[in-house]
Amino acid sequence: MALNFANNNSLSAISAKPSGLSGGALNLISTQTASGSSTISFTSGIDSTYDEYVFKFYNMHPATDQKNFQVNFRDGSTAYDATKTTTVFEAYHAEDDSGAALQYTNARDLAQSTAAQQLSNSTGNGNDESCSGYMQLFNPSSTTFVKHFIARVQNYQGDGDGYSIQHFTAGYCNVTAAIDGVQFSFNSGNIDSGVIKLYGVS
C-alpha cells in the first residue's frame, strides 16, 4: 500500500493537499427557499451520482407557534410514505436555567411507520425563533440495502420558557426500492421562511 506524505516540514507551511488524498467535498445540487410554503420537496438530484447526500437547514421558521420540523421520504411512488424505523434522543437547557436534561425520547421514534419523522420539538414562531441543522442520507439509490439517515437539529422551543434543544435522530427507510424524493414540513401550518440546501458528497 502506498503512503502519501506532505513534503512540507510543518502544517503552517503546507500549501497544497497531497495528490493521493481525495474525498469529502460537498457539491451543491440545489437550494430551496420557503415563503409561506406547506412543504419543501426535493424530487430531483437524488440518484446514484453520490453515495451520500446532505441536507442543510437554515433558520426554519414556522408560521404557527410550537410546531415540529419533520421529514419524509418517497420510494418510487408519488407519496412520501417510505416505511421507517428510527431512534431519537435530545439535550435541552432552559434560558432561565430552570431545567436541563439529556434523554431518550421514545415518543418521537418510529417503528415500521410511514409517518413523517420529527426532527425538532415545538419550534417557536416568534420573530427570532427557528431551528437549524442537517440531515445525512446514505446510498439512497441502493435496491439491496435499507437507506440509513442521521439528523441533528438545534431548536428554539417556543413555549414561553426559552429552551435550547438539540435533537439527534437516526434511522433507516426499511425498503429495497430507491429513495428518489425527500420532503420537509412542519407538522401543522406552513413554513413561513427558511432555506434548505442539498449537497452530494464526493
N, C-alpha and C. Protein backbone atom coordinates (compact mmCIF):
# COMPACT_ATOMS: atom_id res chain seq x y z
N MET A 1 0.85 -1.18 0.00
CA MET A 1 0.00 0.00 0.00
C MET A 1 0.89 1.24 0.00
N ALA A 2 0.63 2.16 -0.92
CA ALA A 2 1.42 3.38 -0.99
C ALA A 2 0.96 4.37 0.07
N LEU A 3 1.92 5.08 0.67
CA LEU A 3 1.61 6.12 1.65
C LEU A 3 1.85 7.48 1.02
N ASN A 4 0.95 8.43 1.31
CA ASN A 4 1.09 9.78 0.77
C ASN A 4 1.50 10.72 1.89
N PHE A 5 2.54 11.51 1.65
CA PHE A 5 3.04 12.43 2.65
C PHE A 5 3.03 13.85 2.09
N ALA A 6 2.77 14.82 2.99
CA ALA A 6 3.01 16.21 2.62
C ALA A 6 4.51 16.45 2.79
N ASN A 7 5.13 17.00 1.76
CA ASN A 7 6.58 17.18 1.80
C ASN A 7 7.02 18.37 2.63
N ASN A 8 6.06 19.22 3.01
CA ASN A 8 6.41 20.39 3.81
C ASN A 8 6.81 19.95 5.22
N ASN A 9 7.58 20.80 5.91
CA ASN A 9 8.10 20.43 7.22
C ASN A 9 7.15 20.74 8.36
N SER A 10 6.14 21.61 8.15
CA SER A 10 5.21 21.95 9.21
C SER A 10 3.83 22.19 8.61
N LEU A 11 2.80 22.07 9.48
CA LEU A 11 1.44 22.28 8.99
C LEU A 11 1.26 23.68 8.43
N SER A 12 1.88 24.67 9.07
CA SER A 12 1.71 26.05 8.61
C SER A 12 2.33 26.27 7.24
N ALA A 13 3.25 25.38 6.84
CA ALA A 13 3.93 25.56 5.56
C ALA A 13 3.26 24.79 4.42
N ILE A 14 2.23 23.97 4.76
CA ILE A 14 1.57 23.20 3.71
C ILE A 14 0.81 24.12 2.79
N SER A 15 1.11 24.06 1.51
CA SER A 15 0.47 24.93 0.53
C SER A 15 -0.46 24.18 -0.41
N ALA A 16 -0.40 22.86 -0.40
CA ALA A 16 -1.26 22.08 -1.28
C ALA A 16 -1.50 20.71 -0.68
N LYS A 17 -2.67 20.14 -0.96
CA LYS A 17 -3.01 18.81 -0.50
C LYS A 17 -2.23 17.77 -1.30
N PRO A 18 -1.69 16.74 -0.65
CA PRO A 18 -1.02 15.68 -1.39
C PRO A 18 -1.93 15.10 -2.46
N SER A 19 -1.39 14.78 -3.62
CA SER A 19 -2.20 14.37 -4.76
C SER A 19 -2.98 13.10 -4.53
N GLY A 20 -2.56 12.25 -3.62
CA GLY A 20 -3.25 10.99 -3.39
C GLY A 20 -4.45 11.09 -2.47
N LEU A 21 -4.68 12.27 -1.86
CA LEU A 21 -5.80 12.44 -0.95
C LEU A 21 -6.99 13.01 -1.70
N SER A 22 -8.18 12.46 -1.45
CA SER A 22 -9.38 12.94 -2.10
C SER A 22 -10.59 12.62 -1.24
N GLY A 23 -11.74 13.14 -1.64
CA GLY A 23 -12.99 12.81 -0.98
C GLY A 23 -13.42 13.83 0.04
N GLY A 24 -14.71 13.76 0.38
CA GLY A 24 -15.27 14.61 1.42
C GLY A 24 -15.76 15.96 0.96
N ALA A 25 -15.75 16.22 -0.34
CA ALA A 25 -16.20 17.52 -0.83
C ALA A 25 -17.71 17.58 -0.89
N LEU A 26 -18.27 18.72 -0.47
CA LEU A 26 -19.71 18.96 -0.58
C LEU A 26 -19.98 19.67 -1.90
N ASN A 27 -20.81 19.08 -2.74
CA ASN A 27 -21.14 19.64 -4.04
C ASN A 27 -22.59 20.08 -4.03
N LEU A 28 -22.82 21.39 -4.09
CA LEU A 28 -24.17 21.93 -4.02
C LEU A 28 -24.98 21.49 -5.23
N ILE A 29 -26.13 20.87 -4.98
CA ILE A 29 -27.02 20.40 -6.04
C ILE A 29 -28.17 21.38 -6.25
N SER A 30 -28.81 21.80 -5.15
CA SER A 30 -29.93 22.73 -5.27
C SER A 30 -30.19 23.43 -3.96
N THR A 31 -30.88 24.57 -4.05
CA THR A 31 -31.27 25.37 -2.90
C THR A 31 -32.74 25.71 -3.02
N GLN A 32 -33.48 25.56 -1.93
CA GLN A 32 -34.89 25.94 -1.92
C GLN A 32 -35.14 26.88 -0.75
N THR A 33 -35.89 27.94 -1.02
CA THR A 33 -36.22 28.95 -0.01
C THR A 33 -37.72 28.94 0.25
N ALA A 34 -38.10 28.77 1.50
CA ALA A 34 -39.52 28.74 1.86
C ALA A 34 -40.05 30.16 2.04
N SER A 35 -41.31 30.35 1.66
CA SER A 35 -42.02 31.60 1.89
C SER A 35 -43.50 31.27 1.96
N GLY A 36 -43.95 30.95 3.17
CA GLY A 36 -45.33 30.51 3.33
C GLY A 36 -45.60 29.19 2.65
N SER A 37 -44.62 28.30 2.63
CA SER A 37 -44.71 27.02 1.90
C SER A 37 -45.25 25.93 2.81
N SER A 38 -46.15 25.10 2.29
CA SER A 38 -46.65 23.99 3.10
C SER A 38 -45.59 22.91 3.24
N THR A 39 -44.81 22.69 2.18
CA THR A 39 -43.73 21.71 2.20
C THR A 39 -42.58 22.22 1.34
N ILE A 40 -41.41 21.63 1.55
CA ILE A 40 -40.28 21.78 0.62
C ILE A 40 -39.88 20.37 0.20
N SER A 41 -39.98 20.10 -1.10
CA SER A 41 -39.73 18.76 -1.61
C SER A 41 -38.55 18.78 -2.57
N PHE A 42 -37.66 17.80 -2.41
CA PHE A 42 -36.55 17.60 -3.33
C PHE A 42 -36.87 16.36 -4.16
N THR A 43 -37.18 16.56 -5.43
CA THR A 43 -37.63 15.48 -6.30
C THR A 43 -36.65 15.19 -7.42
N SER A 44 -35.54 15.90 -7.46
CA SER A 44 -34.50 15.62 -8.45
C SER A 44 -33.14 15.80 -7.79
N GLY A 45 -32.13 15.22 -8.40
CA GLY A 45 -30.78 15.33 -7.87
C GLY A 45 -30.43 14.28 -6.85
N ILE A 46 -31.40 13.43 -6.46
CA ILE A 46 -31.13 12.34 -5.52
C ILE A 46 -31.12 11.06 -6.33
N ASP A 47 -29.93 10.59 -6.67
CA ASP A 47 -29.80 9.44 -7.55
C ASP A 47 -28.50 8.70 -7.23
N SER A 48 -27.98 7.96 -8.17
CA SER A 48 -26.79 7.15 -7.93
C SER A 48 -25.48 7.93 -8.13
N THR A 49 -25.58 9.24 -8.37
CA THR A 49 -24.37 10.04 -8.59
C THR A 49 -23.47 10.03 -7.36
N TYR A 50 -24.07 10.12 -6.17
CA TYR A 50 -23.31 10.15 -4.92
C TYR A 50 -23.81 9.05 -3.99
N ASP A 51 -22.92 8.59 -3.11
CA ASP A 51 -23.30 7.60 -2.09
C ASP A 51 -23.85 8.25 -0.84
N GLU A 52 -23.64 9.55 -0.70
CA GLU A 52 -24.14 10.28 0.47
C GLU A 52 -24.66 11.64 0.03
N TYR A 53 -25.80 12.02 0.59
CA TYR A 53 -26.39 13.34 0.36
C TYR A 53 -26.57 14.03 1.70
N VAL A 54 -26.38 15.34 1.72
CA VAL A 54 -26.53 16.12 2.94
C VAL A 54 -27.51 17.26 2.68
N PHE A 55 -28.50 17.37 3.55
CA PHE A 55 -29.44 18.49 3.54
C PHE A 55 -29.08 19.40 4.70
N LYS A 56 -28.92 20.68 4.43
CA LYS A 56 -28.65 21.65 5.49
C LYS A 56 -29.82 22.61 5.61
N PHE A 57 -30.30 22.80 6.84
CA PHE A 57 -31.46 23.64 7.12
C PHE A 57 -31.00 24.92 7.79
N TYR A 58 -31.48 26.06 7.30
CA TYR A 58 -31.09 27.35 7.84
C TYR A 58 -32.33 28.11 8.32
N ASN A 59 -32.43 28.31 9.64
CA ASN A 59 -33.50 29.12 10.24
C ASN A 59 -34.88 28.77 9.70
N MET A 60 -35.27 27.51 9.91
CA MET A 60 -36.61 27.07 9.52
C MET A 60 -37.60 27.64 10.54
N HIS A 61 -38.48 28.49 10.03
CA HIS A 61 -39.35 29.32 10.89
C HIS A 61 -40.80 28.98 10.60
N PRO A 62 -41.52 28.40 11.57
CA PRO A 62 -42.92 28.02 11.32
C PRO A 62 -43.85 29.23 11.35
N ALA A 63 -44.92 29.14 10.59
CA ALA A 63 -45.93 30.20 10.61
C ALA A 63 -46.75 30.14 11.90
N THR A 64 -46.85 28.93 12.50
CA THR A 64 -47.65 28.70 13.70
C THR A 64 -46.72 28.30 14.84
N ASP A 65 -47.00 28.80 16.04
CA ASP A 65 -46.13 28.57 17.18
C ASP A 65 -46.11 27.10 17.60
N GLN A 66 -44.96 26.68 18.11
CA GLN A 66 -44.76 25.36 18.71
C GLN A 66 -45.09 24.23 17.74
N LYS A 67 -44.43 24.24 16.59
CA LYS A 67 -44.61 23.18 15.60
C LYS A 67 -43.32 22.41 15.41
N ASN A 68 -43.45 21.17 14.95
CA ASN A 68 -42.32 20.26 14.83
C ASN A 68 -41.86 20.17 13.38
N PHE A 69 -40.59 20.47 13.14
CA PHE A 69 -40.00 20.28 11.82
C PHE A 69 -39.85 18.79 11.59
N GLN A 70 -40.15 18.32 10.36
CA GLN A 70 -40.18 16.88 10.11
C GLN A 70 -39.78 16.56 8.67
N VAL A 71 -39.51 15.27 8.44
CA VAL A 71 -39.07 14.80 7.13
C VAL A 71 -39.80 13.51 6.78
N ASN A 72 -40.00 13.31 5.47
CA ASN A 72 -40.46 12.01 4.99
C ASN A 72 -39.84 11.73 3.64
N PHE A 73 -39.95 10.48 3.20
CA PHE A 73 -39.19 10.00 2.05
C PHE A 73 -40.12 9.34 1.02
N ARG A 74 -39.76 9.49 -0.25
CA ARG A 74 -40.51 8.87 -1.34
C ARG A 74 -39.69 7.72 -1.91
N ASP A 75 -40.34 6.58 -2.12
CA ASP A 75 -39.62 5.40 -2.61
C ASP A 75 -40.20 4.87 -3.91
N GLY A 76 -40.36 5.77 -4.88
CA GLY A 76 -40.76 5.35 -6.21
C GLY A 76 -42.18 5.69 -6.60
N SER A 77 -43.04 5.94 -5.62
CA SER A 77 -44.41 6.33 -5.92
C SER A 77 -44.52 7.85 -5.89
N THR A 78 -45.71 8.39 -5.81
CA THR A 78 -45.89 9.84 -5.69
C THR A 78 -46.02 10.27 -4.23
N ALA A 79 -46.18 9.30 -3.33
CA ALA A 79 -46.40 9.62 -1.92
C ALA A 79 -45.10 9.60 -1.13
N TYR A 80 -45.03 10.44 -0.11
CA TYR A 80 -43.89 10.45 0.81
C TYR A 80 -44.28 9.62 2.03
N ASP A 81 -44.06 8.32 1.92
CA ASP A 81 -44.55 7.40 2.94
C ASP A 81 -43.69 6.15 3.07
N ALA A 82 -42.39 6.30 2.85
CA ALA A 82 -41.50 5.15 3.00
C ALA A 82 -41.53 4.64 4.44
N THR A 83 -41.53 3.34 4.61
CA THR A 83 -41.55 2.73 5.94
C THR A 83 -40.22 2.98 6.64
N LYS A 84 -40.30 3.45 7.91
CA LYS A 84 -39.10 3.84 8.65
C LYS A 84 -39.09 3.25 10.05
N THR A 85 -37.88 2.94 10.53
CA THR A 85 -37.65 2.65 11.94
C THR A 85 -36.54 3.58 12.41
N THR A 86 -36.77 4.28 13.54
CA THR A 86 -35.87 5.35 13.96
C THR A 86 -35.67 5.34 15.47
N THR A 87 -34.69 6.14 15.88
CA THR A 87 -34.44 6.36 17.31
C THR A 87 -34.06 7.82 17.51
N VAL A 88 -34.41 8.38 18.68
CA VAL A 88 -34.25 9.82 18.92
C VAL A 88 -33.79 10.06 20.36
N PHE A 89 -32.81 10.96 20.52
CA PHE A 89 -32.54 11.48 21.86
C PHE A 89 -32.28 12.97 21.75
N GLU A 90 -32.32 13.66 22.89
CA GLU A 90 -32.20 15.11 22.89
C GLU A 90 -31.47 15.60 24.13
N ALA A 91 -30.88 16.77 23.99
CA ALA A 91 -30.32 17.51 25.13
C ALA A 91 -31.00 18.87 25.15
N TYR A 92 -31.44 19.31 26.33
CA TYR A 92 -32.10 20.62 26.40
C TYR A 92 -31.65 21.40 27.63
N HIS A 93 -31.84 22.72 27.54
CA HIS A 93 -31.47 23.62 28.63
C HIS A 93 -32.31 24.88 28.52
N ALA A 94 -32.90 25.31 29.62
CA ALA A 94 -33.74 26.50 29.64
C ALA A 94 -32.92 27.77 29.78
N GLU A 95 -33.41 28.86 29.18
CA GLU A 95 -32.72 30.15 29.29
C GLU A 95 -32.56 30.59 30.73
N ASP A 96 -33.58 30.33 31.58
CA ASP A 96 -33.50 30.75 32.98
C ASP A 96 -32.85 29.70 33.87
N ASP A 97 -32.27 28.66 33.25
CA ASP A 97 -31.55 27.61 33.96
C ASP A 97 -32.47 26.77 34.85
N SER A 98 -33.78 26.78 34.56
CA SER A 98 -34.73 26.05 35.40
C SER A 98 -34.79 24.58 35.08
N GLY A 99 -34.26 24.18 33.94
CA GLY A 99 -34.32 22.77 33.58
C GLY A 99 -33.28 22.42 32.54
N ALA A 100 -32.75 21.20 32.65
CA ALA A 100 -31.79 20.71 31.67
C ALA A 100 -31.75 19.20 31.77
N ALA A 101 -31.56 18.53 30.62
CA ALA A 101 -31.51 17.07 30.63
C ALA A 101 -30.93 16.54 29.33
N LEU A 102 -30.45 15.32 29.39
CA LEU A 102 -30.08 14.54 28.22
C LEU A 102 -30.92 13.27 28.31
N GLN A 103 -31.76 13.01 27.28
CA GLN A 103 -32.72 11.92 27.43
C GLN A 103 -33.09 11.28 26.11
N TYR A 104 -33.42 9.99 26.19
CA TYR A 104 -34.01 9.27 25.06
C TYR A 104 -35.48 9.67 24.99
N THR A 105 -35.96 9.99 23.78
CA THR A 105 -37.34 10.44 23.63
C THR A 105 -38.11 9.44 22.77
N ASN A 106 -38.57 8.39 23.42
CA ASN A 106 -39.24 7.32 22.69
C ASN A 106 -40.56 7.74 22.07
N ALA A 107 -41.14 8.84 22.53
CA ALA A 107 -42.40 9.31 21.94
C ALA A 107 -42.20 9.83 20.53
N ARG A 108 -40.95 10.08 20.14
CA ARG A 108 -40.68 10.66 18.82
C ARG A 108 -40.03 9.67 17.86
N ASP A 109 -39.79 8.44 18.31
CA ASP A 109 -39.22 7.47 17.39
C ASP A 109 -40.33 6.73 16.65
N LEU A 110 -39.95 6.02 15.61
CA LEU A 110 -40.92 5.29 14.79
C LEU A 110 -40.50 3.83 14.70
N ALA A 111 -41.49 2.94 14.60
CA ALA A 111 -41.25 1.51 14.43
C ALA A 111 -42.07 1.02 13.24
N GLN A 112 -41.41 0.87 12.11
CA GLN A 112 -42.07 0.41 10.89
C GLN A 112 -43.28 1.29 10.56
N SER A 113 -43.04 2.59 10.54
CA SER A 113 -44.10 3.56 10.33
C SER A 113 -43.90 4.31 9.02
N THR A 114 -44.99 4.70 8.40
CA THR A 114 -44.93 5.53 7.19
C THR A 114 -45.12 7.01 7.52
N ALA A 115 -45.29 7.34 8.79
CA ALA A 115 -45.48 8.73 9.20
C ALA A 115 -44.20 9.53 9.02
N ALA A 116 -44.33 10.85 8.99
CA ALA A 116 -43.16 11.71 8.92
C ALA A 116 -42.35 11.59 10.20
N GLN A 117 -41.02 11.74 10.07
CA GLN A 117 -40.12 11.68 11.22
C GLN A 117 -39.90 13.07 11.78
N GLN A 118 -40.20 13.26 13.05
CA GLN A 118 -40.00 14.53 13.73
C GLN A 118 -38.51 14.80 13.90
N LEU A 119 -38.08 16.05 13.56
CA LEU A 119 -36.67 16.44 13.69
C LEU A 119 -36.46 17.54 14.72
N SER A 120 -37.51 18.26 15.09
CA SER A 120 -37.42 19.29 16.14
C SER A 120 -38.68 19.21 16.99
N ASN A 121 -38.67 19.95 18.10
CA ASN A 121 -39.82 19.89 19.01
C ASN A 121 -40.31 21.28 19.36
N SER A 122 -41.56 21.58 19.01
CA SER A 122 -42.23 22.83 19.40
C SER A 122 -41.42 24.06 19.02
N THR A 123 -40.96 24.12 17.78
CA THR A 123 -40.23 25.29 17.31
C THR A 123 -41.11 26.52 17.37
N GLY A 124 -40.58 27.60 17.94
CA GLY A 124 -41.36 28.82 18.10
C GLY A 124 -41.49 29.63 16.82
N ASN A 125 -42.55 30.43 16.74
CA ASN A 125 -42.74 31.29 15.57
C ASN A 125 -42.50 32.76 15.88
N GLY A 126 -41.90 33.06 17.05
CA GLY A 126 -41.51 34.44 17.33
C GLY A 126 -40.52 34.95 16.29
N ASN A 127 -40.38 36.26 16.22
CA ASN A 127 -39.53 36.86 15.18
C ASN A 127 -38.11 36.33 15.19
N ASP A 128 -37.61 35.92 16.36
CA ASP A 128 -36.22 35.45 16.45
C ASP A 128 -36.13 33.94 16.67
N GLU A 129 -37.22 33.22 16.46
CA GLU A 129 -37.26 31.79 16.78
C GLU A 129 -37.23 30.94 15.50
N SER A 130 -36.50 29.83 15.56
CA SER A 130 -36.36 28.95 14.38
C SER A 130 -35.63 27.68 14.80
N CYS A 131 -35.37 26.80 13.82
CA CYS A 131 -34.49 25.66 14.03
C CYS A 131 -33.56 25.54 12.84
N SER A 132 -32.37 25.01 13.08
CA SER A 132 -31.36 24.82 12.03
C SER A 132 -30.65 23.50 12.27
N GLY A 133 -30.07 22.95 11.20
CA GLY A 133 -29.34 21.69 11.36
C GLY A 133 -29.04 21.04 10.04
N TYR A 134 -28.87 19.71 10.09
CA TYR A 134 -28.54 18.99 8.87
C TYR A 134 -29.05 17.55 8.96
N MET A 135 -29.16 16.92 7.79
CA MET A 135 -29.51 15.50 7.71
C MET A 135 -28.66 14.84 6.64
N GLN A 136 -28.09 13.69 6.97
CA GLN A 136 -27.33 12.89 6.01
C GLN A 136 -28.19 11.70 5.56
N LEU A 137 -28.19 11.44 4.26
CA LEU A 137 -28.90 10.30 3.69
C LEU A 137 -27.88 9.47 2.91
N PHE A 138 -27.80 8.18 3.24
CA PHE A 138 -26.74 7.34 2.70
C PHE A 138 -27.26 6.37 1.62
N ASN A 139 -26.57 6.38 0.49
CA ASN A 139 -26.81 5.44 -0.60
C ASN A 139 -28.30 5.27 -0.93
N PRO A 140 -28.99 6.38 -1.23
CA PRO A 140 -30.44 6.29 -1.44
C PRO A 140 -30.86 5.49 -2.66
N SER A 141 -29.95 5.28 -3.61
CA SER A 141 -30.31 4.56 -4.83
C SER A 141 -30.12 3.05 -4.73
N SER A 142 -29.67 2.57 -3.59
CA SER A 142 -29.49 1.13 -3.42
C SER A 142 -30.83 0.41 -3.54
N THR A 143 -30.83 -0.68 -4.27
CA THR A 143 -32.02 -1.54 -4.32
C THR A 143 -31.75 -2.86 -3.60
N THR A 144 -30.69 -2.87 -2.79
CA THR A 144 -30.34 -4.05 -1.99
C THR A 144 -30.51 -3.78 -0.51
N PHE A 145 -29.98 -2.64 -0.04
CA PHE A 145 -29.94 -2.36 1.39
C PHE A 145 -30.99 -1.33 1.80
N VAL A 146 -31.28 -1.32 3.11
CA VAL A 146 -32.10 -0.24 3.65
C VAL A 146 -31.34 1.07 3.50
N LYS A 147 -32.06 2.20 3.59
CA LYS A 147 -31.45 3.51 3.40
C LYS A 147 -31.34 4.24 4.74
N HIS A 148 -30.10 4.38 5.24
CA HIS A 148 -29.87 4.99 6.54
C HIS A 148 -29.86 6.52 6.45
N PHE A 149 -30.29 7.16 7.54
CA PHE A 149 -30.19 8.62 7.63
C PHE A 149 -29.91 9.02 9.07
N ILE A 150 -29.22 10.16 9.21
CA ILE A 150 -28.87 10.73 10.51
C ILE A 150 -29.16 12.22 10.46
N ALA A 151 -29.82 12.75 11.48
CA ALA A 151 -30.11 14.18 11.53
C ALA A 151 -29.74 14.76 12.88
N ARG A 152 -29.31 16.01 12.85
CA ARG A 152 -29.00 16.76 14.07
C ARG A 152 -29.56 18.17 13.90
N VAL A 153 -30.48 18.56 14.77
CA VAL A 153 -31.18 19.84 14.63
C VAL A 153 -31.17 20.59 15.95
N GLN A 154 -30.82 21.87 15.89
CA GLN A 154 -30.85 22.76 17.05
C GLN A 154 -32.12 23.60 16.96
N ASN A 155 -32.83 23.69 18.08
CA ASN A 155 -34.19 24.21 18.09
C ASN A 155 -34.39 25.23 19.20
N TYR A 156 -35.13 26.31 18.90
CA TYR A 156 -35.62 27.24 19.93
C TYR A 156 -37.06 26.84 20.22
N GLN A 157 -37.29 26.31 21.42
CA GLN A 157 -38.64 25.86 21.76
C GLN A 157 -39.49 27.05 22.17
N GLY A 158 -40.57 27.28 21.44
CA GLY A 158 -41.40 28.47 21.64
C GLY A 158 -42.57 28.25 22.56
N ASP A 159 -42.31 27.87 23.79
CA ASP A 159 -43.42 27.66 24.73
C ASP A 159 -43.39 28.69 25.86
N GLY A 160 -42.64 29.77 25.66
CA GLY A 160 -42.56 30.82 26.67
C GLY A 160 -41.42 30.64 27.64
N ASP A 161 -40.81 29.44 27.67
CA ASP A 161 -39.72 29.17 28.61
C ASP A 161 -38.34 29.35 27.99
N GLY A 162 -38.26 29.46 26.67
CA GLY A 162 -36.99 29.69 26.01
C GLY A 162 -36.02 28.55 26.17
N TYR A 163 -36.35 27.39 25.68
CA TYR A 163 -35.46 26.23 25.75
C TYR A 163 -34.60 26.11 24.50
N SER A 164 -33.33 25.82 24.71
CA SER A 164 -32.46 25.36 23.63
C SER A 164 -32.51 23.84 23.64
N ILE A 165 -32.89 23.26 22.49
CA ILE A 165 -32.99 21.80 22.41
C ILE A 165 -32.20 21.31 21.21
N GLN A 166 -31.32 20.36 21.42
CA GLN A 166 -30.62 19.73 20.31
C GLN A 166 -31.16 18.31 20.15
N HIS A 167 -31.65 18.01 18.93
CA HIS A 167 -32.27 16.73 18.64
C HIS A 167 -31.30 15.87 17.82
N PHE A 168 -31.17 14.63 18.20
CA PHE A 168 -30.34 13.66 17.49
C PHE A 168 -31.27 12.54 17.01
N THR A 169 -31.41 12.42 15.71
CA THR A 169 -32.34 11.46 15.12
C THR A 169 -31.58 10.57 14.15
N ALA A 170 -31.85 9.28 14.17
CA ALA A 170 -31.23 8.36 13.21
C ALA A 170 -32.20 7.23 12.93
N GLY A 171 -32.05 6.63 11.76
CA GLY A 171 -32.92 5.52 11.42
C GLY A 171 -32.66 5.05 10.01
N TYR A 172 -33.59 4.26 9.51
CA TYR A 172 -33.47 3.78 8.14
C TYR A 172 -34.85 3.65 7.51
N CYS A 173 -34.88 3.87 6.21
CA CYS A 173 -36.06 3.56 5.42
C CYS A 173 -35.98 2.07 5.10
N ASN A 174 -36.90 1.30 5.62
CA ASN A 174 -36.85 -0.16 5.50
C ASN A 174 -37.51 -0.61 4.20
N VAL A 175 -36.92 -0.17 3.09
CA VAL A 175 -37.41 -0.51 1.76
C VAL A 175 -36.21 -0.87 0.89
N THR A 176 -36.43 -1.73 -0.09
CA THR A 176 -35.37 -2.04 -1.04
C THR A 176 -35.45 -1.15 -2.27
N ALA A 177 -36.58 -0.48 -2.48
CA ALA A 177 -36.69 0.47 -3.58
C ALA A 177 -35.82 1.68 -3.30
N ALA A 178 -35.36 2.34 -4.34
CA ALA A 178 -34.54 3.54 -4.19
C ALA A 178 -35.37 4.67 -3.60
N ILE A 179 -34.74 5.49 -2.78
CA ILE A 179 -35.35 6.73 -2.30
C ILE A 179 -35.07 7.79 -3.35
N ASP A 180 -36.13 8.35 -3.95
CA ASP A 180 -35.96 9.32 -5.03
C ASP A 180 -36.55 10.68 -4.73
N GLY A 181 -37.02 10.88 -3.49
CA GLY A 181 -37.55 12.18 -3.11
C GLY A 181 -37.54 12.34 -1.60
N VAL A 182 -37.32 13.57 -1.13
CA VAL A 182 -37.30 13.88 0.30
C VAL A 182 -38.13 15.14 0.51
N GLN A 183 -39.01 15.12 1.50
CA GLN A 183 -39.92 16.24 1.74
C GLN A 183 -39.82 16.71 3.20
N PHE A 184 -39.72 18.03 3.38
CA PHE A 184 -39.66 18.64 4.70
C PHE A 184 -40.89 19.50 4.92
N SER A 185 -41.34 19.57 6.17
CA SER A 185 -42.52 20.36 6.51
C SER A 185 -42.54 20.57 8.02
N PHE A 186 -43.50 21.35 8.50
CA PHE A 186 -43.85 21.35 9.91
C PHE A 186 -45.10 20.50 10.07
N ASN A 187 -45.32 19.98 11.27
CA ASN A 187 -46.43 19.04 11.45
C ASN A 187 -47.79 19.71 11.34
N SER A 188 -47.83 21.03 11.34
CA SER A 188 -49.07 21.78 11.13
C SER A 188 -48.70 23.18 10.68
N GLY A 189 -49.46 23.73 9.76
CA GLY A 189 -49.19 25.09 9.29
C GLY A 189 -48.05 25.11 8.28
N ASN A 190 -47.76 26.31 7.80
CA ASN A 190 -46.76 26.48 6.75
C ASN A 190 -45.36 26.73 7.29
N ILE A 191 -44.38 26.59 6.40
CA ILE A 191 -43.02 27.06 6.68
C ILE A 191 -43.00 28.53 6.29
N ASP A 192 -42.97 29.41 7.26
CA ASP A 192 -43.03 30.85 6.98
C ASP A 192 -41.78 31.30 6.22
N SER A 193 -40.61 30.82 6.65
CA SER A 193 -39.37 31.16 5.97
C SER A 193 -38.31 30.12 6.33
N GLY A 194 -37.22 30.14 5.59
CA GLY A 194 -36.13 29.20 5.82
C GLY A 194 -35.51 28.77 4.51
N VAL A 195 -34.29 28.24 4.58
CA VAL A 195 -33.57 27.80 3.40
C VAL A 195 -33.07 26.37 3.65
N ILE A 196 -33.21 25.52 2.63
CA ILE A 196 -32.66 24.15 2.68
C ILE A 196 -31.78 23.96 1.46
N LYS A 197 -30.56 23.50 1.70
CA LYS A 197 -29.62 23.22 0.61
C LYS A 197 -29.35 21.73 0.55
N LEU A 198 -29.28 21.20 -0.66
CA LEU A 198 -28.98 19.80 -0.90
C LEU A 198 -27.58 19.69 -1.50
N TYR A 199 -26.74 18.85 -0.87
CA TYR A 199 -25.38 18.62 -1.34
C TYR A 199 -25.17 17.13 -1.61
N GLY A 200 -24.32 16.83 -2.59
CA GLY A 200 -23.81 15.49 -2.77
C GLY A 200 -22.38 15.44 -2.24
N VAL A 201 -22.01 14.35 -1.59
CA VAL A 201 -20.68 14.21 -1.01
C VAL A 201 -19.82 13.34 -1.91
N SER A 202 -18.76 13.94 -2.46
CA SER A 202 -17.87 13.19 -3.36
C SER A 202 -16.61 12.75 -2.64
